[in-house]
Structure formats: C-alpha cells, structure tokens
Amino acid sequence: MKLESIQVPVGSRVLADYWSPNTAIHKFFEYEYSDEAFQKRAAYLEKQTKDQTEIATIIRQFMEPLGITDKINEHLKQLEQGALVVVGGQQAGVLTGPLYSVNKAISVIALAKEQSMKLQRPVVPVFWIAGEDHDLEEINHTYTMREEDVKKRAYGERSKRKTMASTTALNQEAMTQFINTVVKDFGETAYTEGLRKHLLEALTESDTFTDFFARLMNQLFKEEGLLMIDAADMKFRQYESQNFTHIIRNNAEIAQVVTAQEQAFDSAGYGTPIFSTSEAANLFYVKDGERHLLERRQDQFVNLAANIKLSREELLEIAELNPEQLSNNVVTRPLMQEMTLPVLAFVGGPGELAYWATLKDAFTVLGLKMPIFAPRLNITLITRQVEQLLKEYGLSVEDVWNGKAMQLKDTFVTAVQDEKAKHQIQAIQQLINEKLDELEVHLEAQQIPLNKVIMKNKETHLKQFNYLQQKIEQTVLAKHEVTIRKFMILQNELYPNDGFQERSYNPYQYLNEFGPSLIDEMLEKSYDFGNHHYLLYL
C-alpha cells in the first residue's frame, strides 16, 4: 500500500484561504493553524481544568454495548484524568455514510496521536455522532459501483416524521434487503461472505440508525481507541442541562453576534453559510418524538408550524428538568462541545469550516474560546485495476478529475462510428423525401388533398431511419464495449457523480476488495495536515 500526496486546486475558497497566510479568513478564527497554536490552546485549556470523570463515565456507558477494547479503556482513563481531546463528528449514515466519515475518524485519530507526541501529554480522539439529526433522507442511502456503473441504493423504509436518527427504529427486513443489494453490487471476492455476515450481525444488534452506525464505526476503529458519544444520548443530555441553560440565557446575544459575524464573512467574499437571523434560537425542541427548530418571537421561543410556544422561563425549566427535549443546531453544537469536552482541535470538512467562521464571537458570549479548526484529511483510494488503467492510458488521477477520461472516451466513440452507414442512411432519407415531395406536387395538381398523410409518412420514415441509426451505433459500441467500460471505470471510481470518491462510496466497497485490514493499514500511514490530497494505492 503506497501513499502519495498531491496538490490540487481547492474548490472551496474558504478552505484555500484557510491554508494560505495573510488572507482575510483568519480574523474569523481564534487560532491560525500551526504548532504554536496547539501549544497556546493546550496552555489555555490547562487553566480551564474541570472534573472530567462524569463525561468519561457517560462515554464509557455509551460504548460498553459496542465493545470496549484495551485502547478504548486507556483513552477513557486518560480522559478521566484530564487528557485533551481532538473531536470530529458526522451524521449516522448507513454503512458509516460516505468515505469522508471514515476519513474524518482517521483524521481525528492521526491528529490526536500527532499532538500527543508534540505536546508530550495525552490527547485522545473523540467522534461526536450527530444522532440528534432528523434529516433521514440524507443518511438513508449510499452509492455503489456495479461493474462500471454508479448505483444509488437506499434503505426502503421511509418516514414523514422529523424523528432523530437515535430514536428512529430500523426495519430489520428492509435494512437486510438494503445490505444484500449493496453487497451484491460489490461483486464476489474472497472477503464478501465474511463482510456480509459482519454487517448483518451488526444490524441484528442495532435498533436505530445511530446504533448501527456506532457498531460499524467501533468495529473499524476500536483498536485505535476511538471514543464515541451520541449527541442524543439520554445521560449526555442530562449532563448538558446547565449548558443548555447557559445558551438560553444568552440566546439573543448569540444570535446577534453570529448574524453580525456572518454579514462580515459575506462582505469578505465568503458567502452566507448558515443564513443566520437575529431571531434564531439555534435550538430544537423535541415534541412527540419530532425535532422542531425554534425562533424567538416577542420574548417567546416558538415554532408556529408545530404549534410550539414557550416562554423563556418554560424553556429554562425544560433545560433543567427535561434536557432530552432540547437539541442543538449548527451554531450551538460547537458551543456545546466546548462546554462538555476539553477540545484541543475540531476536525471538519469545508462546509463545517465555513459555518465555524461565523461562530467566534458566539464562543466569547459564553465565556469560551473557539478551539483550533483542523480541516480533515482528503483521501482517494486507488484500486489495482484503476492504477493499471491509469498507466494504460497515460492518465493521472488529476486528469480524470479534470474530465480527460471522458474526453478520451468521447474521442474513441466518435472514431469507431460507421460514418459510411450514417451517410448512406441520410442519402436514402433525402431521396425518399424528394420522391414524396414530387408525389405531393402531383397529387395537388390532381386536386387530391393528402398533404397530412404525406407529412405523416415522412415522420414515420424519419423515426425508422433514426431507429436504424441508433441500432447501428449500439452494435458498433457493443463491439468496443471493453474499451468504453475501461474509461467508465476510471471516471466512476475516481470521480463518481462529478465529485470526489469520498463523497459517494462507503468504505465497505473497498473492504470487500482489499480485506478487513484496510482501515488498520490506512491508519499505519503518516499524514500531514495541510492543503493537499492523499492518494492511497491499495
């Protein structure tokens, strides 16, 4: 397994500027990414010391049903004794969601190891599962490659209710069918049966989306000691009670400073990532199992569509007595992380980087300081077949990203078309049209009005000639199917759905080909955080 680092143009201006010195974006963050920043942040956290026993216990209780390894136990003890953390998170997608979920976890682990060595103190990796999220349509599907084609595969059960991933029950039969369809798309290898068995066993032990996600992630990363916490975990919610109170008491000011910061961010040319308003409460209220976003209207917290109206005092009482009825959004989730964990750095993607840029003053309102933002690692997996095809056609991965594989395919398809047959069909069509025109003139002279019949006749011939042309083209392409298929494999392996591989496929497509040691071998590699993209040749 070979690791290669390449420089690619960054699609996100926010991310490009973040990795560049002397750009406007840095004023929106507390720290500019550097070794010195990590030292300063660690020194700051040293002065904020608080008892971490309870949060370590909550994480332990969440993870016990998943299986606690020696390394997980070691990290839990270190957290209890005051270790710092590197945090990253993601929604509870089926089959772990897209590869970038795995890449985030790898990033969190790699950065925690790196900073443990550099700071000479324990830093543990924590994965924050956004189990409170209710956008199930975003997490209920994956993409696969079936031969050379990209297929979207979705879990068949649908819900119109805004229930959270951590409370939405899985239909075992529908999820089993989904898994079998996905694994069938992968194709049979020496690892397929074991992989299918592993997924189905994890499913039978899972009740919800979050259960299933957490079990799979734990299987992949348990030997590295990745700690996990579900944002919607009942005990965790109760632990957050006073933090919710803090957010509610400062709610208006949080909304005001975030709105002002986003306006400044937009003025600097970076856009409006969260469309904040000064009336936003930045909290959800869970009513009858559904999650509803609140806003402030005349000293009340409301969601008019759900007929929710709560006074400030009522919301504070809920925070104190029933905090499980509250839930964070993109603004308050980072604040809650900071209030519950000693966050050395947060690992996120380009979208998260943009909305975090609006939050610096919100941290200040609560007497907090924004942690270091560490953009996650970008990794593309290169199978042996893809590596061979790149060599065969003299292409690089960047060439495929830039559309050259499709250009070669189009050029090839044009070159193999039977132009002589095409010209002969056109000549026959023109001759028939001319003869029909002559007939039409003759009939008009004889006062036989059949213009519409002749027009219909022309249309019928045109359809037949088009059909004939299509069949000729299809037959010619079928003769060259192997070559065309190679170009499609390159495109759909490296740039499916016109985007990076990590945004479409789940890790099991590659575990099926490479084997269960894939993640361990990925974690053995040395990664640097910066403005580059890693290619991992399997």
Protein backbone atom coordinates (compact mmCIF):
# COMPACT_ATOMS: atom_id res chain seq x y z
CA MET A 1 0.00 0.00 0.00
CA LYS A 2 1.57 3.24 -1.21
CA LEU A 3 0.63 6.74 -0.04
CA GLU A 4 1.13 9.73 -2.33
CA SER A 5 0.41 13.38 -1.60
CA ILE A 6 -0.63 15.68 -4.45
CA GLN A 7 -1.52 19.35 -4.72
CA VAL A 8 -4.91 20.01 -6.26
CA PRO A 9 -6.82 23.25 -6.76
CA VAL A 10 -9.16 23.63 -3.79
CA GLY A 11 -12.78 24.01 -4.87
CA SER A 12 -13.66 25.90 -1.71
CA ARG A 13 -12.25 29.42 -1.47
CA VAL A 14 -12.82 29.29 2.29
CA LEU A 15 -10.56 26.23 2.60
CA ALA A 16 -7.96 27.57 0.15
CA ASP A 17 -7.66 30.82 2.10
CA TYR A 18 -7.56 28.97 5.43
CA TRP A 19 -4.37 27.20 4.35
CA SER A 20 -2.90 30.44 2.97
CA PRO A 21 -1.17 33.08 5.12
CA ASN A 22 -2.27 36.70 5.17
CA THR A 23 -5.83 36.09 3.96
CA ALA A 24 -8.99 37.70 5.34
CA ILE A 25 -10.37 34.45 6.66
CA HIS A 26 -8.02 34.21 9.62
CA LYS A 27 -9.71 37.04 11.52
CA PHE A 28 -12.78 34.81 11.82
CA PHE A 29 -10.88 32.19 13.82
CA GLU A 30 -9.22 32.26 17.22
CA TYR A 31 -6.11 30.41 16.06
CA GLU A 32 -4.19 30.18 12.81
CA TYR A 33 -3.26 26.53 12.28
CA SER A 34 0.33 25.96 13.49
CA ASP A 35 2.36 24.11 16.14
CA GLU A 36 2.43 27.31 18.16
CA ALA A 37 -1.38 27.46 18.06
CA PHE A 38 -1.62 23.96 19.53
CA GLN A 39 0.76 24.93 22.33
CA LYS A 40 -1.25 28.07 23.08
CA ARG A 41 -4.51 26.17 23.02
CA ALA A 42 -3.17 23.47 25.34
CA ALA A 43 -1.94 26.13 27.76
CA TYR A 44 -5.37 27.81 27.67
CA LEU A 45 -7.14 24.51 28.40
CA GLU A 46 -4.74 23.82 31.25
CA LYS A 47 -6.19 26.87 33.03
CA GLN A 48 -9.78 25.72 32.39
CA THR A 49 -9.37 22.44 34.23
CA LYS A 50 -12.54 20.77 35.42
CA ASP A 51 -13.52 17.31 36.58
CA GLN A 52 -13.82 15.05 33.52
CA THR A 53 -14.87 11.96 35.44
CA GLU A 54 -18.56 12.26 34.61
CA ILE A 55 -18.14 12.82 30.88
CA ALA A 56 -15.71 9.87 30.72
CA THR A 57 -18.31 7.72 32.51
CA ILE A 58 -21.05 8.78 30.05
CA ILE A 59 -18.85 7.87 27.08
CA ARG A 60 -17.96 4.54 28.71
CA GLN A 61 -21.62 3.70 29.31
CA PHE A 62 -22.47 4.57 25.69
CA MET A 63 -19.65 2.42 24.34
CA GLU A 64 -19.99 -0.62 26.61
CA PRO A 65 -22.67 -2.29 24.43
CA LEU A 66 -20.40 -1.75 21.41
CA GLY A 67 -17.36 -3.40 22.97
CA ILE A 68 -14.55 -1.67 24.84
CA THR A 69 -11.00 -2.64 23.85
CA ASP A 70 -7.88 -2.10 25.93
CA LYS A 71 -7.05 1.02 23.87
CA ILE A 72 -10.53 2.47 24.36
CA ASN A 73 -10.24 1.79 28.08
CA GLU A 74 -6.84 3.50 28.15
CA HIS A 75 -8.25 6.60 26.44
CA LEU A 76 -11.24 6.69 28.79
CA LYS A 77 -8.93 6.63 31.80
CA GLN A 78 -6.77 9.36 30.26
CA LEU A 79 -9.86 11.49 29.60
CA GLU A 80 -10.96 10.99 33.19
CA GLN A 81 -7.54 12.13 34.36
CA GLY A 82 -7.58 15.35 32.34
CA ALA A 83 -6.49 14.44 28.80
CA LEU A 84 -7.31 16.88 25.99
CA VAL A 85 -9.37 15.75 23.02
CA VAL A 86 -9.46 16.09 19.26
CA VAL A 87 -13.09 15.98 18.13
CA GLY A 88 -14.75 15.29 14.81
CA GLY A 89 -18.24 14.19 14.01
CA GLN A 90 -20.78 13.15 11.44
CA GLN A 91 -24.37 12.07 10.98
CA ALA A 92 -25.22 8.41 11.50
CA GLY A 93 -25.25 7.35 7.85
CA VAL A 94 -25.99 3.80 6.73
CA LEU A 95 -22.82 1.70 6.33
CA THR A 96 -20.96 4.61 8.06
CA GLY A 97 -22.13 7.02 5.35
CA PRO A 98 -19.73 8.25 2.65
CA LEU A 99 -15.99 7.60 2.95
CA TYR A 100 -15.40 11.07 4.33
CA SER A 101 -16.89 9.84 7.64
CA VAL A 102 -14.08 7.30 7.83
CA ASN A 103 -11.59 9.93 6.66
CA LYS A 104 -12.77 12.20 9.49
CA ALA A 105 -12.22 9.43 12.03
CA ILE A 106 -8.76 8.74 10.61
CA SER A 107 -8.04 12.48 10.78
CA VAL A 108 -9.16 12.69 14.42
CA ILE A 109 -7.01 9.69 15.38
CA ALA A 110 -3.97 10.88 13.41
CA LEU A 111 -4.12 14.41 14.82
CA ALA A 112 -4.60 13.17 18.39
CA LYS A 113 -1.52 10.94 18.03
CA GLU A 114 0.50 13.76 16.46
CA GLN A 115 -0.34 16.26 19.19
CA SER A 116 0.17 13.72 21.98
CA MET A 117 3.75 13.42 20.79
CA LYS A 118 4.33 17.11 20.15
CA LEU A 119 2.74 18.34 23.39
CA GLN A 120 4.07 15.44 25.43
CA ARG A 121 0.70 14.88 27.08
CA PRO A 122 -2.30 12.61 26.44
CA VAL A 123 -4.64 13.73 23.67
CA VAL A 124 -7.47 11.33 22.90
CA PRO A 125 -9.64 11.02 19.76
CA VAL A 126 -13.41 11.55 20.13
CA PHE A 127 -16.07 11.05 17.45
CA TRP A 128 -19.26 13.04 18.04
CA ILE A 129 -22.19 11.19 16.42
CA ALA A 130 -24.89 13.64 15.37
CA GLY A 131 -27.63 11.25 16.43
CA GLU A 132 -29.96 14.17 17.09
CA ASP A 133 -30.15 14.92 13.37
CA HIS A 134 -33.58 14.28 11.83
CA ASP A 135 -32.77 14.57 8.12
CA LEU A 136 -33.07 10.84 7.50
CA GLU A 137 -33.17 11.27 3.71
CA GLU A 138 -29.58 12.46 3.96
CA ILE A 139 -28.35 9.35 5.78
CA ASN A 140 -30.51 6.52 4.39
CA HIS A 141 -28.62 5.80 1.18
CA THR A 142 -25.24 5.09 -0.34
CA TYR A 143 -23.72 4.74 -3.79
CA THR A 144 -22.06 1.65 -5.20
CA MET A 145 -20.21 0.67 -8.35
CA ARG A 146 -21.92 -2.21 -10.09
CA GLU A 147 -19.45 -3.22 -12.77
CA GLU A 148 -18.71 0.21 -14.30
CA ASP A 149 -21.94 1.98 -13.35
CA VAL A 150 -22.75 4.15 -10.30
CA LYS A 151 -25.88 3.00 -8.49
CA LYS A 152 -27.78 4.82 -5.74
CA ARG A 153 -29.02 2.33 -3.15
CA ALA A 154 -31.44 3.45 -0.46
CA TYR A 155 -32.89 1.86 2.65
CA GLY A 156 -36.52 1.27 1.72
CA GLU A 157 -38.27 2.39 4.88
CA ARG A 158 -39.48 6.00 4.76
CA SER A 159 -40.74 8.29 7.48
CA LYS A 160 -42.50 11.62 7.05
CA ARG A 161 -41.91 12.48 10.69
CA LYS A 162 -38.91 14.53 11.88
CA THR A 163 -37.62 11.85 14.21
CA MET A 164 -33.97 11.77 15.24
CA ALA A 165 -31.54 9.14 13.96
CA SER A 166 -31.04 7.96 17.54
CA THR A 167 -34.75 7.34 18.10
CA THR A 168 -35.82 6.09 14.66
CA ALA A 169 -36.28 2.33 14.73
CA LEU A 170 -34.76 0.32 11.91
CA ASN A 171 -36.89 -2.10 9.92
CA GLN A 172 -34.68 -5.16 10.10
CA GLU A 173 -36.15 -6.75 6.97
CA ALA A 174 -35.80 -3.57 4.87
CA MET A 175 -32.24 -2.94 6.08
CA THR A 176 -31.27 -6.58 5.43
CA GLN A 177 -32.55 -6.24 1.87
CA PHE A 178 -30.59 -2.98 1.50
CA ILE A 179 -27.37 -4.63 2.73
CA ASN A 180 -27.80 -7.63 0.43
CA THR A 181 -28.38 -5.35 -2.58
CA VAL A 182 -25.33 -3.23 -1.79
CA VAL A 183 -23.03 -6.21 -1.20
CA LYS A 184 -24.25 -7.85 -4.41
CA ASP A 185 -23.24 -4.69 -6.28
CA PHE A 186 -19.72 -5.02 -4.88
CA GLY A 187 -19.20 -8.35 -6.62
CA GLU A 188 -17.88 -11.57 -5.11
CA THR A 189 -14.37 -11.68 -3.64
CA ALA A 190 -12.68 -13.81 -1.01
CA TYR A 191 -13.92 -11.33 1.60
CA THR A 192 -17.56 -10.89 0.52
CA GLU A 193 -19.25 -13.56 2.61
CA GLY A 194 -17.45 -12.50 5.78
CA LEU A 195 -18.27 -8.87 5.13
CA ARG A 196 -21.97 -9.60 4.56
CA LYS A 197 -22.10 -11.69 7.74
CA HIS A 198 -20.40 -8.94 9.74
CA LEU A 199 -22.85 -6.28 8.51
CA LEU A 200 -25.92 -8.43 9.19
CA GLU A 201 -24.69 -9.35 12.68
CA ALA A 202 -24.16 -5.67 13.50
CA LEU A 203 -27.66 -4.96 12.19
CA THR A 204 -29.34 -7.58 14.38
CA GLU A 205 -27.76 -5.93 17.45
CA SER A 206 -28.94 -2.45 16.38
CA ASP A 207 -32.30 -0.81 17.00
CA THR A 208 -31.72 2.62 15.39
CA PHE A 209 -29.64 4.37 12.73
CA THR A 210 -27.25 5.54 15.43
CA ASP A 211 -26.88 2.07 16.93
CA PHE A 212 -25.97 0.63 13.54
CA PHE A 213 -23.56 3.44 12.72
CA ALA A 214 -21.82 3.27 16.10
CA ARG A 215 -21.37 -0.51 15.94
CA LEU A 216 -19.79 -0.34 12.49
CA MET A 217 -17.52 2.57 13.40
CA ASN A 218 -16.43 0.80 16.57
CA GLN A 219 -15.57 -2.33 14.59
CA LEU A 220 -13.42 -0.25 12.25
CA PHE A 221 -11.62 1.86 14.87
CA LYS A 222 -11.78 0.04 18.22
CA GLU A 223 -8.10 -0.99 18.15
CA GLU A 224 -7.14 2.68 17.79
CA GLY A 225 -9.23 3.54 20.84
CA LEU A 226 -11.59 5.96 19.09
CA LEU A 227 -14.06 7.22 21.69
CA MET A 228 -17.62 7.89 20.55
CA ILE A 229 -20.51 9.81 22.01
CA ASP A 230 -24.05 10.19 20.71
CA ALA A 231 -25.26 13.78 20.87
CA ALA A 232 -28.77 12.47 21.62
CA ASP A 233 -27.73 10.06 24.37
CA MET A 234 -30.07 10.50 27.35
CA LYS A 235 -27.33 10.60 30.01
CA PHE A 236 -25.32 13.02 27.89
CA ARG A 237 -28.35 15.28 27.52
CA GLN A 238 -28.82 15.35 31.29
CA TYR A 239 -25.14 16.19 31.70
CA GLU A 240 -25.67 19.13 29.31
CA SER A 241 -28.54 20.59 31.35
CA GLN A 242 -26.67 23.62 32.72
CA ASN A 243 -25.07 24.22 29.35
CA PHE A 244 -28.50 24.49 27.73
CA THR A 245 -29.43 26.95 30.48
CA HIS A 246 -26.33 28.99 29.64
CA ILE A 247 -27.29 29.03 25.94
CA ILE A 248 -30.89 30.03 26.66
CA ARG A 249 -29.91 32.88 28.99
CA ASN A 250 -27.56 34.28 26.32
CA ASN A 251 -29.71 33.30 23.37
CA ALA A 252 -30.44 36.72 21.89
CA GLU A 253 -26.84 37.86 22.08
CA ILE A 254 -25.58 34.61 20.47
CA ALA A 255 -27.95 35.16 17.54
CA GLN A 256 -26.94 38.81 17.19
CA VAL A 257 -23.19 38.19 17.14
CA VAL A 258 -23.48 35.21 14.76
CA THR A 259 -25.61 37.28 12.37
CA ALA A 260 -23.13 40.16 12.51
CA GLN A 261 -20.19 37.79 12.01
CA GLU A 262 -21.87 36.14 9.04
CA GLN A 263 -22.51 39.55 7.45
CA ALA A 264 -18.82 40.37 7.87
CA PHE A 265 -17.93 36.96 6.42
CA ASP A 266 -20.15 37.69 3.42
CA SER A 267 -18.60 41.15 3.00
CA ALA A 268 -15.18 39.49 2.90
CA GLY A 269 -16.40 37.49 -0.10
CA TYR A 270 -17.08 34.13 1.53
CA GLY A 271 -20.87 33.99 1.36
CA THR A 272 -23.53 33.16 3.95
CA PRO A 273 -23.13 29.52 5.04
CA ILE A 274 -25.89 29.39 7.67
CA PHE A 275 -28.27 32.25 6.74
CA SER A 276 -28.43 33.33 10.36
CA THR A 277 -31.01 35.80 11.71
CA SER A 278 -31.15 37.74 14.94
CA GLU A 279 -34.43 35.92 15.80
CA ALA A 280 -32.88 32.44 15.53
CA ALA A 281 -32.91 30.49 18.80
CA ASN A 282 -30.39 27.99 17.38
CA LEU A 283 -32.06 25.23 19.37
CA PHE A 284 -34.51 22.47 18.52
CA TYR A 285 -37.37 21.36 20.73
CA VAL A 286 -38.38 17.71 20.65
CA LYS A 287 -42.16 17.32 20.74
CA ASP A 288 -43.88 13.92 20.39
CA GLY A 289 -40.62 12.46 19.15
CA GLU A 290 -40.16 15.08 16.41
CA ARG A 291 -37.50 17.77 16.29
CA HIS A 292 -38.62 21.36 15.63
CA LEU A 293 -36.37 24.40 15.19
CA LEU A 294 -37.20 27.30 17.49
CA GLU A 295 -37.01 31.02 16.95
CA ARG A 296 -37.60 33.96 19.26
CA ARG A 297 -40.78 35.99 18.83
CA GLN A 298 -41.80 38.62 21.42
CA ASP A 299 -39.98 37.02 24.35
CA GLN A 300 -41.21 33.56 23.39
CA PHE A 301 -39.49 30.58 21.79
CA VAL A 302 -41.76 29.37 19.03
CA ASN A 303 -42.23 27.08 16.09
CA LEU A 304 -45.56 28.18 14.67
CA ALA A 305 -45.86 25.28 12.21
CA ALA A 306 -45.69 22.81 15.09
CA ASN A 307 -47.82 24.99 17.38
CA ILE A 308 -44.97 25.39 19.88
CA LYS A 309 -44.89 28.49 22.10
CA LEU A 310 -42.63 28.53 25.14
CA SER A 311 -41.69 31.39 27.43
CA ARG A 312 -38.08 31.87 28.42
CA GLU A 313 -38.89 30.57 31.89
CA GLU A 314 -40.59 27.47 30.48
CA LEU A 315 -37.60 26.72 28.25
CA LEU A 316 -35.22 27.17 31.20
CA GLU A 317 -37.34 24.74 33.19
CA ILE A 318 -37.16 22.21 30.36
CA ALA A 319 -33.37 22.64 30.27
CA GLU A 320 -33.23 21.90 33.98
CA LEU A 321 -35.74 19.07 34.26
CA ASN A 322 -36.01 17.54 30.77
CA PRO A 323 -32.93 18.48 28.75
CA GLU A 324 -33.51 15.50 26.45
CA GLN A 325 -36.28 17.61 24.90
CA LEU A 326 -33.68 20.08 23.63
CA SER A 327 -31.27 19.68 20.76
CA ASN A 328 -28.52 21.76 19.17
CA ASN A 329 -28.16 23.12 15.66
CA VAL A 330 -25.03 24.04 13.67
CA VAL A 331 -24.47 27.14 15.82
CA THR A 332 -24.90 25.66 19.28
CA ARG A 333 -23.36 22.23 18.65
CA PRO A 334 -19.77 23.60 18.61
CA LEU A 335 -20.57 25.62 21.74
CA MET A 336 -21.91 22.52 23.47
CA GLN A 337 -18.80 20.55 22.50
CA GLU A 338 -16.64 23.25 24.04
CA MET A 339 -18.67 23.23 27.26
CA THR A 340 -18.57 19.44 27.64
CA LEU A 341 -15.09 18.48 26.43
CA PRO A 342 -11.55 19.92 26.63
CA VAL A 343 -11.34 20.44 22.87
CA LEU A 344 -7.81 20.96 21.59
CA ALA A 345 -8.99 20.92 17.97
CA PHE A 346 -12.11 20.24 15.96
CA VAL A 347 -11.74 18.26 12.72
CA GLY A 348 -14.20 19.15 9.95
CA GLY A 349 -14.77 19.47 6.25
CA PRO A 350 -15.05 22.56 4.02
CA GLY A 351 -18.73 23.11 4.83
CA GLU A 352 -18.07 22.98 8.56
CA LEU A 353 -15.12 25.34 8.16
CA ALA A 354 -17.43 27.92 6.57
CA TYR A 355 -20.05 27.88 9.31
CA TRP A 356 -17.48 27.74 12.10
CA ALA A 357 -16.15 31.00 10.69
CA THR A 358 -19.35 32.70 11.89
CA LEU A 359 -19.07 31.47 15.50
CA LYS A 360 -16.01 33.07 17.07
CA ASP A 361 -17.97 35.79 18.89
CA ALA A 362 -20.61 33.27 19.99
CA PHE A 363 -17.92 31.43 21.94
CA THR A 364 -16.94 34.74 23.54
CA VAL A 365 -20.53 35.46 24.61
CA LEU A 366 -20.48 32.26 26.68
CA GLY A 367 -17.03 33.00 28.14
CA LEU A 368 -15.41 30.41 25.88
CA LYS A 369 -12.64 30.45 23.30
CA MET A 370 -13.03 28.81 19.89
CA PRO A 371 -10.75 25.76 19.51
CA ILE A 372 -8.37 25.17 16.62
CA PHE A 373 -10.14 24.14 13.42
CA ALA A 374 -8.32 21.29 11.65
CA PRO A 375 -9.55 20.60 8.09
CA ARG A 376 -9.94 16.86 7.70
CA LEU A 377 -7.70 14.73 5.51
CA ASN A 378 -8.77 14.18 1.89
CA ILE A 379 -8.06 10.62 0.77
CA THR A 380 -8.82 8.84 -2.50
CA LEU A 381 -8.40 5.06 -2.69
CA ILE A 382 -6.81 3.71 -5.87
CA THR A 383 -7.56 0.05 -6.61
CA ARG A 384 -5.10 -2.09 -8.53
CA GLN A 385 -7.45 -2.12 -11.53
CA VAL A 386 -7.65 1.68 -11.57
CA GLU A 387 -3.87 2.00 -11.20
CA GLN A 388 -3.38 -0.30 -14.22
CA LEU A 389 -5.90 1.64 -16.31
CA LEU A 390 -4.23 4.96 -15.47
CA LYS A 391 -0.94 3.53 -16.72
CA GLU A 392 -2.58 2.03 -19.82
CA TYR A 393 -3.97 5.38 -20.95
CA GLY A 394 -1.18 7.60 -19.61
CA LEU A 395 -3.51 9.44 -17.25
CA SER A 396 -3.06 10.80 -13.74
CA VAL A 397 -5.76 10.92 -11.08
CA GLU A 398 -5.93 14.69 -11.58
CA ASP A 399 -6.50 14.11 -15.32
CA VAL A 400 -9.57 12.01 -14.52
CA TRP A 401 -10.84 14.66 -12.09
CA ASN A 402 -10.43 17.22 -14.88
CA GLY A 403 -12.53 15.17 -17.31
CA LYS A 404 -9.81 13.70 -19.53
CA ALA A 405 -11.03 10.11 -19.23
CA MET A 406 -14.43 11.19 -20.56
CA GLN A 407 -12.77 13.22 -23.31
CA LEU A 408 -10.79 10.14 -24.38
CA LYS A 409 -13.96 8.04 -24.30
CA ASP A 410 -15.87 10.55 -26.46
CA THR A 411 -12.99 10.77 -28.93
CA PHE A 412 -12.81 6.98 -29.13
CA VAL A 413 -16.59 6.61 -29.60
CA THR A 414 -16.54 9.18 -32.43
CA ALA A 415 -13.62 7.41 -34.11
CA VAL A 416 -15.26 3.97 -34.17
CA GLN A 417 -18.65 5.10 -35.52
CA ASP A 418 -19.60 3.80 -39.00
CA GLU A 419 -19.71 7.11 -40.87
CA LYS A 420 -20.32 5.42 -44.22
CA ALA A 421 -23.51 3.77 -42.95
CA LYS A 422 -24.62 7.09 -41.46
CA HIS A 423 -24.15 8.90 -44.79
CA GLN A 424 -25.97 6.13 -46.69
CA ILE A 425 -28.96 6.40 -44.34
CA GLN A 426 -29.02 10.18 -44.78
CA ALA A 427 -28.87 9.77 -48.58
CA ILE A 428 -31.76 7.27 -48.58
CA GLN A 429 -33.77 9.54 -46.30
CA GLN A 430 -33.15 12.53 -48.57
CA LEU A 431 -34.14 10.52 -51.68
CA ILE A 432 -37.41 9.36 -50.08
CA ASN A 433 -38.25 12.90 -49.00
CA GLU A 434 -37.61 14.18 -52.53
CA LYS A 435 -39.85 11.48 -54.04
CA LEU A 436 -42.58 12.23 -51.50
CA ASP A 437 -42.33 15.94 -52.35
CA GLU A 438 -42.76 15.08 -56.05
CA LEU A 439 -45.76 12.92 -55.21
CA GLU A 440 -47.27 15.73 -53.13
CA VAL A 441 -46.96 18.19 -56.05
CA HIS A 442 -48.60 15.66 -58.39
CA LEU A 443 -51.48 14.98 -56.01
CA GLU A 444 -52.13 18.69 -55.51
CA ALA A 445 -52.30 19.09 -59.29
CA GLN A 446 -54.87 16.31 -59.37
CA GLN A 447 -56.78 18.01 -56.53
CA ILE A 448 -56.18 15.05 -54.22
CA PRO A 449 -55.50 16.71 -50.80
CA LEU A 450 -53.29 14.21 -48.96
CA ASN A 451 -50.69 16.65 -47.52
CA LYS A 452 -51.20 15.44 -43.97
CA VAL A 453 -50.81 11.80 -44.99
CA ILE A 454 -47.54 12.56 -46.79
CA MET A 455 -46.27 14.55 -43.79
CA LYS A 456 -47.13 11.61 -41.53
CA ASN A 457 -45.33 9.30 -43.95
CA LYS A 458 -42.20 11.45 -43.74
CA GLU A 459 -42.33 11.41 -39.95
CA THR A 460 -42.71 7.62 -39.92
CA HIS A 461 -39.70 7.18 -42.21
CA LEU A 462 -37.68 9.61 -40.06
CA LYS A 463 -38.42 7.58 -36.92
CA GLN A 464 -37.43 4.36 -38.70
CA PHE A 465 -34.19 5.83 -40.01
CA ASN A 466 -33.35 7.24 -36.55
CA TYR A 467 -34.06 3.83 -35.02
CA LEU A 468 -31.83 2.15 -37.62
CA GLN A 469 -29.03 4.66 -36.95
CA GLN A 470 -29.30 4.05 -33.19
CA LYS A 471 -29.13 0.27 -33.65
CA ILE A 472 -26.04 0.61 -35.83
CA GLU A 473 -24.38 2.85 -33.21
CA GLN A 474 -25.33 0.47 -30.39
CA THR A 475 -23.96 -2.52 -32.29
CA VAL A 476 -20.71 -0.70 -33.05
CA LEU A 477 -20.32 0.35 -29.40
CA ALA A 478 -21.04 -3.21 -28.25
CA LYS A 479 -18.08 -4.37 -30.36
CA HIS A 480 -15.91 -1.92 -28.40
CA GLU A 481 -17.58 -2.42 -25.01
CA VAL A 482 -14.38 -3.44 -23.22
CA THR A 483 -12.55 -0.21 -24.09
CA ILE A 484 -15.53 2.03 -23.27
CA ARG A 485 -16.01 0.18 -19.99
CA LYS A 486 -12.41 0.94 -19.01
CA PHE A 487 -12.97 4.68 -19.39
CA MET A 488 -16.18 4.49 -17.34
CA ILE A 489 -14.42 2.57 -14.57
CA LEU A 490 -11.78 5.30 -14.34
CA GLN A 491 -14.42 8.03 -14.22
CA ASN A 492 -16.76 6.36 -11.76
CA GLU A 493 -14.07 5.04 -9.44
CA LEU A 494 -12.27 8.37 -9.13
CA TYR A 495 -14.95 10.99 -9.81
CA PRO A 496 -18.42 9.50 -9.27
CA ASN A 497 -21.38 11.85 -9.53
CA ASP A 498 -18.90 14.55 -10.64
CA GLY A 499 -17.29 14.66 -7.21
CA PHE A 500 -14.52 13.09 -5.16
CA GLN A 501 -14.85 9.40 -4.39
CA GLU A 502 -15.11 10.08 -0.64
CA ARG A 503 -18.44 11.88 -1.15
CA SER A 504 -20.24 8.92 -2.76
CA TYR A 505 -18.96 5.48 -1.79
CA ASN A 506 -18.93 3.81 1.62
CA PRO A 507 -15.82 2.00 2.94
CA TYR A 508 -17.24 -1.49 2.52
CA GLN A 509 -16.82 -1.33 -1.26
CA TYR A 510 -13.07 -1.26 -0.64
CA LEU A 511 -13.10 -3.59 2.37
CA ASN A 512 -14.77 -6.11 0.06
CA GLU A 513 -11.86 -5.84 -2.37
CA PHE A 514 -8.89 -5.28 -0.10
CA GLY A 515 -9.99 -7.13 3.05
CA PRO A 516 -10.73 -6.29 6.71
CA SER A 517 -7.22 -4.99 7.37
CA LEU A 518 -7.76 -1.96 5.10
CA ILE A 519 -8.55 0.57 7.84
CA ASP A 520 -5.70 -0.64 10.05
CA GLU A 521 -3.26 -0.27 7.16
CA MET A 522 -4.61 3.20 6.35
CA LEU A 523 -4.01 4.19 9.97
CA GLU A 524 -0.42 2.96 9.84
CA LYS A 525 0.43 5.66 7.29
CA SER A 526 1.82 9.05 8.30
CA TYR A 527 -0.35 12.01 7.36
CA ASP A 528 0.34 15.73 7.43
CA PHE A 529 -2.49 18.20 7.78
CA GLY A 530 -2.36 20.80 5.04
CA ASN A 531 -3.53 21.87 1.63
CA HIS A 532 -3.06 18.58 -0.19
CA HIS A 533 -4.92 15.42 -1.22
CA TYR A 534 -3.74 11.90 -0.45
CA LEU A 535 -3.85 9.05 -2.95
CA LEU A 536 -3.70 5.61 -1.34
CA TYR A 537 -2.78 2.82 -3.76
CA LEU A 538 -4.25 -0.45 -2.49
